[in-house]
Amino acid sequence: MHQVRLLPHNITFPADGQETVLQAALNAGVAFPNRCQVGACAMCLCRKRSGEIRYQLEPMLTENEQAEGWIFACQAMARSDLVLQLD
């Protein structure tokens, strides 16, 4: 089980690594922005400040966006504790 910290609200919730970060947030009662839950609308786009994630299917992000830490929470699964930034 991993811990996800969501900035700037400093909310923490658990993620088991088998569910997406978005699903873990919603299961914990966190109001995480989302709409489509399949990576098409970009509502759940956030920046990973620390930690490791994995995807089952690679998201539609450029190499530059990925290098800047952008992730789709609806597609990303935690591989470690995470710190995420909502803008």
C-alpha atoms as a PDB file:
ATOM      1  CA  MET A   1       0.000   0.000   0.000  1.00  0.00           C
ATOM      2  CA  HIS A   2       1.334   3.419  -0.976  1.00  0.00           C
ATOM      3  CA  GLN A   3       0.468   6.899   0.264  1.00  0.00           C
ATOM      4  CA  VAL A   4      -0.423   9.666  -2.182  1.00  0.00           C
ATOM      5  CA  ARG A   5      -0.149  13.279  -1.032  1.00  0.00           C
ATOM      6  CA  LEU A   6      -2.110  15.801  -3.078  1.00  0.00           C
ATOM      7  CA  LEU A   7      -0.855  19.395  -3.136  1.00  0.00           C
ATOM      8  CA  PRO A   8      -1.703  22.224  -2.613  1.00  0.00           C
ATOM      9  CA  HIS A   9      -4.442  20.841  -0.324  1.00  0.00           C
ATOM     10  CA  ASN A  10      -2.039  18.479   1.496  1.00  0.00           C
ATOM     11  CA  ILE A  11      -4.593  15.648   1.354  1.00  0.00           C
ATOM     12  CA  THR A  12      -3.245  12.118   1.787  1.00  0.00           C
ATOM     13  CA  PHE A  13      -4.927   8.910   0.630  1.00  0.00           C
ATOM     14  CA  PRO A  14      -3.877   5.268   0.139  1.00  0.00           C
ATOM     15  CA  ALA A  15      -3.311   3.638  -3.255  1.00  0.00           C
ATOM     16  CA  ASP A  16      -2.715  -0.096  -3.582  1.00  0.00           C
ATOM     17  CA  GLY A  17      -0.902  -0.070  -6.925  1.00  0.00           C
ATOM     18  CA  GLN A  18      -3.608  -2.154  -8.621  1.00  0.00           C
ATOM     19  CA  GLU A  19      -6.065   0.712  -9.012  1.00  0.00           C
ATOM     20  CA  THR A  20      -5.508   4.020 -10.744  1.00  0.00           C
ATOM     21  CA  VAL A  21      -4.531   7.050  -8.693  1.00  0.00           C
ATOM     22  CA  LEU A  22      -7.866   8.619  -9.611  1.00  0.00           C
ATOM     23  CA  GLN A  23      -9.826   5.572  -8.451  1.00  0.00           C
ATOM     24  CA  ALA A  24      -7.864   5.468  -5.186  1.00  0.00           C
ATOM     25  CA  ALA A  25      -8.657   9.160  -4.605  1.00  0.00           C
ATOM     26  CA  LEU A  26     -12.357   8.711  -5.338  1.00  0.00           C
ATOM     27  CA  ASN A  27     -12.502   5.594  -3.113  1.00  0.00           C
ATOM     28  CA  ALA A  28     -11.021   7.678  -0.287  1.00  0.00           C
ATOM     29  CA  GLY A  29     -13.644  10.406  -0.780  1.00  0.00           C
ATOM     30  CA  VAL A  30     -11.200  12.905  -2.305  1.00  0.00           C
ATOM     31  CA  ALA A  31     -12.750  15.362  -4.776  1.00  0.00           C
ATOM     32  CA  PHE A  32     -10.237  14.794  -7.591  1.00  0.00           C
ATOM     33  CA  PRO A  33     -11.086  16.550 -10.886  1.00  0.00           C
ATOM     34  CA  ASN A  34     -12.231  14.042 -13.524  1.00  0.00           C
ATOM     35  CA  ARG A  35     -14.725  13.548 -16.289  1.00  0.00           C
ATOM     36  CA  CYS A  36     -14.065  10.709 -18.733  1.00  0.00           C
ATOM     37  CA  GLN A  37     -11.731   8.484 -16.650  1.00  0.00           C
ATOM     38  CA  VAL A  38      -9.987   7.203 -19.807  1.00  0.00           C
ATOM     39  CA  GLY A  39      -7.382   9.922 -20.450  1.00  0.00           C
ATOM     40  CA  ALA A  40      -9.242  11.773 -23.189  1.00  0.00           C
ATOM     41  CA  CYS A  41     -10.511  14.898 -21.386  1.00  0.00           C
ATOM     42  CA  ALA A  42      -7.335  15.813 -19.405  1.00  0.00           C
ATOM     43  CA  MET A  43      -9.388  16.874 -16.343  1.00  0.00           C
ATOM     44  CA  CYS A  44      -7.270  14.633 -14.080  1.00  0.00           C
ATOM     45  CA  LEU A  45      -3.946  15.828 -15.482  1.00  0.00           C
ATOM     46  CA  CYS A  46      -1.600  16.635 -12.607  1.00  0.00           C
ATOM     47  CA  ARG A  47       2.121  16.955 -11.989  1.00  0.00           C
ATOM     48  CA  LYS A  48       4.106  14.240 -10.221  1.00  0.00           C
ATOM     49  CA  ARG A  49       6.530  15.889  -7.795  1.00  0.00           C
ATOM     50  CA  SER A  50       7.984  12.646  -6.463  1.00  0.00           C
ATOM     51  CA  GLY A  51       7.469   8.903  -6.638  1.00  0.00           C
ATOM     52  CA  GLU A  52       7.032   6.293  -9.334  1.00  0.00           C
ATOM     53  CA  ILE A  53       4.005   5.345 -11.395  1.00  0.00           C
ATOM     54  CA  ARG A  54       3.202   2.816 -14.095  1.00  0.00           C
ATOM     55  CA  TYR A  55       0.657   2.720 -16.878  1.00  0.00           C
ATOM     56  CA  GLN A  56      -1.070  -0.262 -18.470  1.00  0.00           C
ATOM     57  CA  LEU A  57      -1.348   1.773 -21.670  1.00  0.00           C
ATOM     58  CA  GLU A  58       0.952   4.710 -22.359  1.00  0.00           C
ATOM     59  CA  PRO A  59      -0.951   8.008 -22.174  1.00  0.00           C
ATOM     60  CA  MET A  60      -1.087  10.600 -24.912  1.00  0.00           C
ATOM     61  CA  LEU A  61       1.632  12.822 -23.438  1.00  0.00           C
ATOM     62  CA  THR A  62       4.627  14.195 -25.276  1.00  0.00           C
ATOM     63  CA  GLU A  63       8.126  13.293 -24.075  1.00  0.00           C
ATOM     64  CA  ASN A  64       8.508  16.889 -22.881  1.00  0.00           C
ATOM     65  CA  GLU A  65       5.256  16.733 -20.860  1.00  0.00           C
ATOM     66  CA  GLN A  66       6.346  13.466 -19.277  1.00  0.00           C
ATOM     67  CA  ALA A  67       9.780  14.923 -18.478  1.00  0.00           C
ATOM     68  CA  GLU A  68       8.015  17.835 -16.743  1.00  0.00           C
ATOM     69  CA  GLY A  69       6.178  15.299 -14.550  1.00  0.00           C
ATOM     70  CA  TRP A  70       2.691  15.481 -16.064  1.00  0.00           C
ATOM     71  CA  ILE A  71       0.561  12.358 -15.541  1.00  0.00           C
ATOM     72  CA  PHE A  72      -2.996  11.255 -16.156  1.00  0.00           C
ATOM     73  CA  ALA A  73      -4.294  10.176 -12.739  1.00  0.00           C
ATOM     74  CA  CYS A  74      -7.029   8.110 -14.419  1.00  0.00           C
ATOM     75  CA  GLN A  75      -4.405   5.928 -16.084  1.00  0.00           C
ATOM     76  CA  ALA A  76      -1.483   6.014 -13.609  1.00  0.00           C
ATOM     77  CA  MET A  77      -0.960   3.424 -10.867  1.00  0.00           C
ATOM     78  CA  ALA A  78       1.332   4.051  -7.908  1.00  0.00           C
ATOM     79  CA  ARG A  79       4.568   2.061  -7.700  1.00  0.00           C
ATOM     80  CA  SER A  80       5.714   3.991  -4.607  1.00  0.00           C
ATOM     81  CA  ASP A  81       4.522   6.786  -2.354  1.00  0.00           C
ATOM     82  CA  LEU A  82       3.600   9.804  -4.504  1.00  0.00           C
ATOM     83  CA  VAL A  83       3.411  13.558  -4.177  1.00  0.00           C
ATOM     84  CA  LEU A  84       1.120  15.088  -6.813  1.00  0.00           C
ATOM     85  CA  GLN A  85       0.383  18.729  -7.599  1.00  0.00           C
ATOM     86  CA  LEU A  86      -3.006  19.896  -8.849  1.00  0.00           C
ATOM     87  CA  ASP A  87      -2.767  23.195 -10.707  1.00  0.00           C
END
